[in-house]
């Protein structure tokens, strides 16, 4: 959804259901964060799924004093057949 239209209805979404409203907002932010140099590659891969709402963007942060110490987590990359 274009920012101009989204801005006009986000207040209603936030008031009705904060989780739903934030999901849409995070998705818009993730799409806007894609560097212009990668847009051509993203258009054929994950970008259509993000725009359609099938996939969504996330916000990853840590708040050590609030009990979410992400430094304790471990992750690894696993190669899959998905190509972008």
PDB file of N, CA and C in Angstrom:
ATOM      1  N   UNK A   1       0.853  -1.173   0.000  1.00  0.00           N
ATOM      2  CA  UNK A   1       0.000   0.000   0.000  1.00  0.00           C
ATOM      3  C   UNK A   1       0.898   1.234   0.000  1.00  0.00           C
ATOM      4  N   UNK A   2       0.616   2.222  -0.815  1.00  0.00           N
ATOM      5  CA  UNK A   2       1.428   3.438  -0.837  1.00  0.00           C
ATOM      6  C   UNK A   2       1.414   4.144   0.522  1.00  0.00           C
ATOM      7  N   UNK A   3       2.530   4.787   0.862  1.00  0.00           N
ATOM      8  CA  UNK A   3       2.637   5.457   2.160  1.00  0.00           C
ATOM      9  C   UNK A   3       1.520   6.485   2.374  1.00  0.00           C
ATOM     10  N   UNK A   4       1.169   7.222   1.360  1.00  0.00           N
ATOM     11  CA  UNK A   4       0.151   8.254   1.525  1.00  0.00           C
ATOM     12  C   UNK A   4      -1.184   7.653   1.973  1.00  0.00           C
ATOM     13  N   UNK A   5      -1.580   6.574   1.339  1.00  0.00           N
ATOM     14  CA  UNK A   5      -2.816   5.908   1.724  1.00  0.00           C
ATOM     15  C   UNK A   5      -2.684   5.219   3.076  1.00  0.00           C
ATOM     16  N   UNK A   6      -1.555   4.549   3.293  1.00  0.00           N
ATOM     17  CA  UNK A   6      -1.348   3.826   4.550  1.00  0.00           C
ATOM     18  C   UNK A   6      -1.375   4.774   5.746  1.00  0.00           C
ATOM     19  N   UNK A   7      -0.790   5.945   5.596  1.00  0.00           N
ATOM     20  CA  UNK A   7      -0.748   6.900   6.695  1.00  0.00           C
ATOM     21  C   UNK A   7      -2.150   7.319   7.123  1.00  0.00           C
ATOM     22  N   UNK A   8      -3.044   7.414   6.186  1.00  0.00           N
ATOM     23  CA  UNK A   8      -4.395   7.867   6.525  1.00  0.00           C
ATOM     24  C   UNK A   8      -5.198   6.813   7.286  1.00  0.00           C
ATOM     25  N   UNK A   9      -4.869   5.552   7.110  1.00  0.00           N
ATOM     26  CA  UNK A   9      -5.648   4.509   7.792  1.00  0.00           C
ATOM     27  C   UNK A   9      -4.898   3.851   8.942  1.00  0.00           C
ATOM     28  N   UNK A  10      -3.602   4.110   9.089  1.00  0.00           N
ATOM     29  CA  UNK A  10      -2.839   3.468  10.159  1.00  0.00           C
ATOM     30  C   UNK A  10      -3.353   3.819  11.545  1.00  0.00           C
ATOM     31  N   UNK A  11      -3.821   4.999  11.740  1.00  0.00           N
ATOM     32  CA  UNK A  11      -4.366   5.376  13.046  1.00  0.00           C
ATOM     33  C   UNK A  11      -5.539   4.482  13.431  1.00  0.00           C
ATOM     34  N   UNK A  12      -6.386   4.185  12.456  1.00  0.00           N
ATOM     35  CA  UNK A  12      -7.530   3.301  12.735  1.00  0.00           C
ATOM     36  C   UNK A  12      -7.054   1.882  13.013  1.00  0.00           C
ATOM     37  N   UNK A  13      -6.064   1.399  12.229  1.00  0.00           N
ATOM     38  CA  UNK A  13      -5.545   0.050  12.453  1.00  0.00           C
ATOM     39  C   UNK A  13      -4.904  -0.052  13.832  1.00  0.00           C
ATOM     40  N   UNK A  14      -4.121   0.957  14.200  1.00  0.00           N
ATOM     41  CA  UNK A  14      -3.447   0.939  15.506  1.00  0.00           C
ATOM     42  C   UNK A  14      -4.471   0.945  16.643  1.00  0.00           C
ATOM     43  N   UNK A  15      -5.515   1.722  16.495  1.00  0.00           N
ATOM     44  CA  UNK A  15      -6.530   1.793  17.539  1.00  0.00           C
ATOM     45  C   UNK A  15      -7.332   0.499  17.639  1.00  0.00           C
ATOM     46  N   UNK A  16      -7.584  -0.137  16.513  1.00  0.00           N
ATOM     47  CA  UNK A  16      -8.383  -1.362  16.501  1.00  0.00           C
ATOM     48  C   UNK A  16      -7.585  -2.571  16.968  1.00  0.00           C
ATOM     49  N   UNK A  17      -6.333  -2.693  16.519  1.00  0.00           N
ATOM     50  CA  UNK A  17      -5.520  -3.861  16.865  1.00  0.00           C
ATOM     51  C   UNK A  17      -4.053  -3.492  16.674  1.00  0.00           C
ATOM     52  N   UNK A  18      -3.380  -3.218  17.772  1.00  0.00           N
ATOM     53  CA  UNK A  18      -1.994  -2.754  17.716  1.00  0.00           C
ATOM     54  C   UNK A  18      -1.085  -3.769  17.016  1.00  0.00           C
ATOM     55  N   UNK A  19      -1.245  -5.059  17.274  1.00  0.00           N
ATOM     56  CA  UNK A  19      -0.416  -6.082  16.640  1.00  0.00           C
ATOM     57  C   UNK A  19      -0.581  -6.092  15.133  1.00  0.00           C
ATOM     58  N   UNK A  20      -1.798  -6.011  14.668  1.00  0.00           N
ATOM     59  CA  UNK A  20      -2.063  -5.984  13.232  1.00  0.00           C
ATOM     60  C   UNK A  20      -1.447  -4.735  12.605  1.00  0.00           C
ATOM     61  N   UNK A  21      -1.647  -3.608  13.238  1.00  0.00           N
ATOM     62  CA  UNK A  21      -1.113  -2.354  12.710  1.00  0.00           C
ATOM     63  C   UNK A  21       0.403  -2.344  12.659  1.00  0.00           C
ATOM     64  N   UNK A  22       1.057  -2.880  13.700  1.00  0.00           N
ATOM     65  CA  UNK A  22       2.521  -2.904  13.704  1.00  0.00           C
ATOM     66  C   UNK A  22       3.067  -3.865  12.660  1.00  0.00           C
ATOM     67  N   UNK A  23       2.371  -4.975  12.427  1.00  0.00           N
ATOM     68  CA  UNK A  23       2.813  -5.915  11.399  1.00  0.00           C
ATOM     69  C   UNK A  23       2.871  -5.254  10.043  1.00  0.00           C
ATOM     70  N   UNK A  24       1.869  -4.475   9.720  1.00  0.00           N
ATOM     71  CA  UNK A  24       1.850  -3.768   8.443  1.00  0.00           C
ATOM     72  C   UNK A  24       2.935  -2.704   8.379  1.00  0.00           C
ATOM     73  N   UNK A  25       3.126  -1.997   9.485  1.00  0.00           N
ATOM     74  CA  UNK A  25       4.121  -0.932   9.522  1.00  0.00           C
ATOM     75  C   UNK A  25       5.534  -1.507   9.389  1.00  0.00           C
ATOM     76  N   UNK A  26       5.814  -2.616  10.077  1.00  0.00           N
ATOM     77  CA  UNK A  26       7.135  -3.233   9.980  1.00  0.00           C
ATOM     78  C   UNK A  26       7.406  -3.742   8.575  1.00  0.00           C
ATOM     79  N   UNK A  27       6.371  -4.224   7.922  1.00  0.00           N
ATOM     80  CA  UNK A  27       6.535  -4.709   6.555  1.00  0.00           C
ATOM     81  C   UNK A  27       6.888  -3.552   5.614  1.00  0.00           C
ATOM     82  N   UNK A  28       6.214  -2.435   5.779  1.00  0.00           N
ATOM     83  CA  UNK A  28       6.533  -1.273   4.939  1.00  0.00           C
ATOM     84  C   UNK A  28       7.972  -0.818   5.172  1.00  0.00           C
ATOM     85  N   UNK A  29       8.386  -0.805   6.426  1.00  0.00           N
ATOM     86  CA  UNK A  29       9.754  -0.398   6.746  1.00  0.00           C
ATOM     87  C   UNK A  29      10.786  -1.342   6.150  1.00  0.00           C
ATOM     88  N   UNK A  30      10.500  -2.645   6.207  1.00  0.00           N
ATOM     89  CA  UNK A  30      11.428  -3.633   5.641  1.00  0.00           C
ATOM     90  C   UNK A  30      11.539  -3.468   4.126  1.00  0.00           C
ATOM     91  N   UNK A  31      10.434  -3.219   3.475  1.00  0.00           N
ATOM     92  CA  UNK A  31      10.460  -3.013   2.020  1.00  0.00           C
ATOM     93  C   UNK A  31      11.246  -1.753   1.676  1.00  0.00           C
ATOM     94  N   UNK A  32      11.018  -0.683   2.421  1.00  0.00           N
ATOM     95  CA  UNK A  32      11.739   0.567   2.157  1.00  0.00           C
ATOM     96  C   UNK A  32      13.225   0.457   2.483  1.00  0.00           C
ATOM     97  N   UNK A  33      13.624  -0.506   3.322  1.00  0.00           N
ATOM     98  CA  UNK A  33      15.028  -0.664   3.700  1.00  0.00           C
ATOM     99  C   UNK A  33      15.844  -1.399   2.643  1.00  0.00           C
ATOM    100  N   UNK A  34      15.190  -1.968   1.643  1.00  0.00           N
ATOM    101  CA  UNK A  34      15.925  -2.675   0.579  1.00  0.00           C
ATOM    102  C   UNK A  34      16.707  -1.643  -0.229  1.00  0.00           C
ATOM    103  N   UNK A  35      18.020  -1.809  -0.303  1.00  0.00           N
ATOM    104  CA  UNK A  35      18.832  -0.836  -1.053  1.00  0.00           C
ATOM    105  C   UNK A  35      18.437  -0.825  -2.533  1.00  0.00           C
ATOM    106  N   UNK A  36      18.456   0.336  -3.157  1.00  0.00           N
ATOM    107  CA  UNK A  36      18.101   0.423  -4.577  1.00  0.00           C
ATOM    108  C   UNK A  36      18.904  -0.532  -5.463  1.00  0.00           C
ATOM    109  N   UNK A  37      20.146  -0.799  -5.077  1.00  0.00           N
ATOM    110  CA  UNK A  37      20.979  -1.686  -5.887  1.00  0.00           C
ATOM    111  C   UNK A  37      20.482  -3.129  -5.856  1.00  0.00           C
ATOM    112  N   UNK A  38      19.668  -3.487  -4.865  1.00  0.00           N
ATOM    113  CA  UNK A  38      19.144  -4.853  -4.767  1.00  0.00           C
ATOM    114  C   UNK A  38      17.687  -4.973  -5.200  1.00  0.00           C
ATOM    115  N   UNK A  39      17.051  -3.874  -5.554  1.00  0.00           N
ATOM    116  CA  UNK A  39      15.633  -3.924  -5.909  1.00  0.00           C
ATOM    117  C   UNK A  39      15.349  -4.845  -7.086  1.00  0.00           C
ATOM    118  N   UNK A  40      16.181  -4.827  -8.093  1.00  0.00           N
ATOM    119  CA  UNK A  40      15.933  -5.679  -9.266  1.00  0.00           C
ATOM    120  C   UNK A  40      15.942  -7.149  -8.871  1.00  0.00           C
ATOM    121  N   UNK A  41      16.869  -7.561  -8.010  1.00  0.00           N
ATOM    122  CA  UNK A  41      16.914  -8.954  -7.548  1.00  0.00           C
ATOM    123  C   UNK A  41      15.731  -9.270  -6.646  1.00  0.00           C
ATOM    124  N   UNK A  42      15.339  -8.323  -5.801  1.00  0.00           N
ATOM    125  CA  UNK A  42      14.243  -8.552  -4.860  1.00  0.00           C
ATOM    126  C   UNK A  42      12.899  -8.658  -5.572  1.00  0.00           C
ATOM    127  N   UNK A  43      12.732  -7.958  -6.683  1.00  0.00           N
ATOM    128  CA  UNK A  43      11.453  -7.975  -7.398  1.00  0.00           C
ATOM    129  C   UNK A  43      11.097  -9.364  -7.905  1.00  0.00           C
ATOM    130  N   UNK A  44      12.079 -10.180  -8.196  1.00  0.00           N
ATOM    131  CA  UNK A  44      11.819 -11.523  -8.685  1.00  0.00           C
ATOM    132  C   UNK A  44      11.760 -12.562  -7.582  1.00  0.00           C
ATOM    133  N   UNK A  45      12.050 -12.180  -6.353  1.00  0.00           N
ATOM    134  CA  UNK A  45      12.114 -13.139  -5.250  1.00  0.00           C
ATOM    135  C   UNK A  45      11.129 -12.844  -4.139  1.00  0.00           C
ATOM    136  N   UNK A  46      11.627 -12.260  -3.073  1.00  0.00           N
ATOM    137  CA  UNK A  46      10.815 -12.094  -1.871  1.00  0.00           C
ATOM    138  C   UNK A  46       9.944 -10.832  -1.863  1.00  0.00           C
ATOM    139  N   UNK A  47      10.263  -9.843  -2.664  1.00  0.00           N
ATOM    140  CA  UNK A  47       9.504  -8.592  -2.637  1.00  0.00           C
ATOM    141  C   UNK A  47       8.024  -8.771  -2.977  1.00  0.00           C
ATOM    142  N   UNK A  48       7.640  -9.521  -4.010  1.00  0.00           N
ATOM    143  CA  UNK A  48       6.214  -9.715  -4.281  1.00  0.00           C
ATOM    144  C   UNK A  48       5.473 -10.366  -3.110  1.00  0.00           C
ATOM    145  N   UNK A  49       6.142 -11.286  -2.422  1.00  0.00           N
ATOM    146  CA  UNK A  49       5.498 -11.938  -1.277  1.00  0.00           C
ATOM    147  C   UNK A  49       5.338 -10.977  -0.110  1.00  0.00           C
ATOM    148  N   UNK A  50       6.281 -10.065   0.044  1.00  0.00           N
ATOM    149  CA  UNK A  50       6.157  -9.066   1.111  1.00  0.00           C
ATOM    150  C   UNK A  50       5.045  -8.072   0.778  1.00  0.00           C
ATOM    151  N   UNK A  51       4.974  -7.658  -0.468  1.00  0.00           N
ATOM    152  CA  UNK A  51       3.950  -6.689  -0.871  1.00  0.00           C
ATOM    153  C   UNK A  51       2.555  -7.297  -0.775  1.00  0.00           C
ATOM    154  N   UNK A  52       2.432  -8.582  -1.111  1.00  0.00           N
ATOM    155  CA  UNK A  52       1.121  -9.243  -1.053  1.00  0.00           C
ATOM    156  C   UNK A  52       0.695  -9.553   0.376  1.00  0.00           C
ATOM    157  N   UNK A  53       1.634  -9.527   1.310  1.00  0.00           N
ATOM    158  CA  UNK A  53       1.304  -9.858   2.695  1.00  0.00           C
ATOM    159  C   UNK A  53       1.536 -11.317   3.040  1.00  0.00           C
ATOM    160  N   UNK A  54       1.995 -12.111   2.066  1.00  0.00           N
ATOM    161  CA  UNK A  54       2.285 -13.524   2.342  1.00  0.00           C
ATOM    162  C   UNK A  54       3.464 -13.638   3.310  1.00  0.00           C
ATOM    163  N   UNK A  55       4.468 -12.803   3.126  1.00  0.00           N
ATOM    164  CA  UNK A  55       5.602 -12.705   4.038  1.00  0.00           C
ATOM    165  C   UNK A  55       5.547 -11.323   4.672  1.00  0.00           C
ATOM    166  N   UNK A  56       6.213 -11.147   5.792  1.00  0.00           N
ATOM    167  CA  UNK A  56       6.227  -9.852   6.445  1.00  0.00           C
ATOM    168  C   UNK A  56       7.618  -9.517   6.956  1.00  0.00           C
ATOM    169  N   UNK A  57       7.865  -8.258   7.184  1.00  0.00           N
ATOM    170  CA  UNK A  57       9.131  -7.810   7.752  1.00  0.00           C
ATOM    171  C   UNK A  57       9.081  -7.939   9.267  1.00  0.00           C
ATOM    172  N   UNK A  58      10.240  -7.870   9.884  1.00  0.00           N
ATOM    173  CA  UNK A  58      10.312  -7.968  11.335  1.00  0.00           C
ATOM    174  C   UNK A  58      11.185  -6.869  11.898  1.00  0.00           C
ATOM    175  N   UNK A  59      11.102  -6.707  13.194  1.00  0.00           N
ATOM    176  CA  UNK A  59      11.985  -5.797  13.900  1.00  0.00           C
ATOM    177  C   UNK A  59      12.724  -6.639  14.928  1.00  0.00           C
ATOM    178  N   UNK A  60      14.042  -6.668  14.843  1.00  0.00           N
ATOM    179  CA  UNK A  60      14.850  -7.466  15.758  1.00  0.00           C
ATOM    180  C   UNK A  60      15.655  -6.528  16.642  1.00  0.00           C
ATOM    181  N   UNK A  61      15.439  -6.631  17.930  1.00  0.00           N
ATOM    182  CA  UNK A  61      16.164  -5.787  18.860  1.00  0.00           C
ATOM    183  C   UNK A  61      16.348  -6.533  20.168  1.00  0.00           C
ATOM    184  N   UNK A  62      17.163  -5.987  21.036  1.00  0.00           N
ATOM    185  CA  UNK A  62      17.379  -6.596  22.336  1.00  0.00           C
ATOM    186  C   UNK A  62      17.237  -5.549  23.430  1.00  0.00           C
ATOM    187  N   UNK A  63      16.722  -5.980  24.541  1.00  0.00           N
ATOM    188  CA  UNK A  63      16.579  -5.128  25.718  1.00  0.00           C
ATOM    189  C   UNK A  63      17.079  -5.931  26.915  1.00  0.00           C
ATOM    190  N   UNK A  64      18.403  -5.903  27.193  1.00  0.00           N
ATOM    191  CA  UNK A  64      18.966  -6.737  28.242  1.00  0.00           C
ATOM    192  C   UNK A  64      18.301  -6.552  29.604  1.00  0.00           C
ATOM    193  N   UNK A  65      17.886  -5.336  29.913  1.00  0.00           N
ATOM    194  CA  UNK A  65      17.271  -5.101  31.220  1.00  0.00           C
ATOM    195  C   UNK A  65      15.819  -5.566  31.278  1.00  0.00           C
ATOM    196  N   UNK A  66      15.250  -5.968  30.126  1.00  0.00           N
ATOM    197  CA  UNK A  66      13.855  -6.416  30.101  1.00  0.00           C
ATOM    198  C   UNK A  66      13.747  -7.929  29.936  1.00  0.00           C
ATOM    199  N   UNK A  67      14.865  -8.639  30.081  1.00  0.00           N
ATOM    200  CA  UNK A  67      14.807 -10.092  30.026  1.00  0.00           C
ATOM    201  C   UNK A  67      14.929 -10.692  28.643  1.00  0.00           C
ATOM    202  N   UNK A  68      15.257  -9.906  27.640  1.00  0.00           N
ATOM    203  CA  UNK A  68      15.403 -10.463  26.289  1.00  0.00           C
ATOM    204  C   UNK A  68      16.846 -10.291  25.836  1.00  0.00           C
ATOM    205  N   UNK A  69      17.748 -11.044  26.428  1.00  0.00           N
ATOM    206  CA  UNK A  69      19.173 -10.937  26.143  1.00  0.00           C
ATOM    207  C   UNK A  69      19.510 -11.763  24.903  1.00  0.00           C
ATOM    208  N   UNK A  70      19.488 -11.135  23.739  1.00  0.00           N
ATOM    209  CA  UNK A  70      19.733 -11.840  22.488  1.00  0.00           C
ATOM    210  C   UNK A  70      21.175 -12.320  22.342  1.00  0.00           C
ATOM    211  N   UNK A  71      22.078 -11.817  23.176  1.00  0.00           N
ATOM    212  CA  UNK A  71      23.461 -12.283  23.109  1.00  0.00           C
ATOM    213  C   UNK A  71      23.559 -13.752  23.510  1.00  0.00           C
ATOM    214  N   UNK A  72      22.561 -14.253  24.220  1.00  0.00           N
ATOM    215  CA  UNK A  72      22.545 -15.654  24.648  1.00  0.00           C
ATOM    216  C   UNK A  72      22.110 -16.603  23.528  1.00  0.00           C
ATOM    217  N   UNK A  73      21.510 -16.077  22.464  1.00  0.00           N
ATOM    218  CA  UNK A  73      21.025 -16.918  21.379  1.00  0.00           C
ATOM    219  C   UNK A  73      22.130 -17.233  20.387  1.00  0.00           C
ATOM    220  N   UNK A  74      22.023 -18.385  19.781  1.00  0.00           N
ATOM    221  CA  UNK A  74      22.956 -18.786  18.736  1.00  0.00           C
ATOM    222  C   UNK A  74      22.155 -19.071  17.471  1.00  0.00           C
ATOM    223  N   UNK A  75      22.700 -18.715  16.324  1.00  0.00           N
ATOM    224  CA  UNK A  75      22.036 -18.989  15.054  1.00  0.00           C
ATOM    225  C   UNK A  75      23.083 -19.379  14.024  1.00  0.00           C
ATOM    226  N   UNK A  76      22.633 -20.008  12.950  1.00  0.00           N
ATOM    227  CA  UNK A  76      23.540 -20.363  11.878  1.00  0.00           C
ATOM    228  C   UNK A  76      22.763 -20.317  10.564  1.00  0.00           C
ATOM    229  N   UNK A  77      23.460 -20.091   9.491  1.00  0.00           N
ATOM    230  CA  UNK A  77      22.851 -20.055   8.163  1.00  0.00           C
ATOM    231  C   UNK A  77      22.872 -21.458   7.568  1.00  0.00           C
ATOM    232  N   UNK A  78      21.764 -21.836   6.960  1.00  0.00           N
ATOM    233  CA  UNK A  78      21.665 -23.133   6.292  1.00  0.00           C
ATOM    234  C   UNK A  78      21.261 -22.881   4.852  1.00  0.00           C
ATOM    235  N   UNK A  79      22.064 -23.373   3.926  1.00  0.00           N
ATOM    236  CA  UNK A  79      21.789 -23.159   2.507  1.00  0.00           C
ATOM    237  C   UNK A  79      20.550 -23.961   2.093  1.00  0.00           C
ATOM    238  N   UNK A  80      19.622 -23.305   1.393  1.00  0.00           N
ATOM    239  CA  UNK A  80      18.410 -23.950   0.902  1.00  0.00           C
ATOM    240  C   UNK A  80      18.316 -23.791  -0.601  1.00  0.00           C
ATOM    241  N   UNK A  81      17.289 -24.376  -1.173  1.00  0.00           N
ATOM    242  CA  UNK A  81      17.125 -24.309  -2.626  1.00  0.00           C
ATOM    243  C   UNK A  81      16.476 -23.013  -3.089  1.00  0.00           C
ATOM    244  N   UNK A  82      16.037 -22.158  -2.187  1.00  0.00           N
ATOM    245  CA  UNK A  82      15.382 -20.900  -2.554  1.00  0.00           C
ATOM    246  C   UNK A  82      16.422 -19.952  -3.141  1.00  0.00           C
ATOM    247  N   UNK A  83      16.126 -19.383  -4.287  1.00  0.00           N
ATOM    248  CA  UNK A  83      17.015 -18.409  -4.915  1.00  0.00           C
ATOM    249  C   UNK A  83      16.297 -17.080  -5.043  1.00  0.00           C
ATOM    250  N   UNK A  84      17.060 -16.041  -4.934  1.00  0.00           N
ATOM    251  CA  UNK A  84      16.491 -14.696  -5.012  1.00  0.00           C
ATOM    252  C   UNK A  84      16.953 -14.053  -6.289  1.00  0.00           C
TER     253      UNK A  84
END
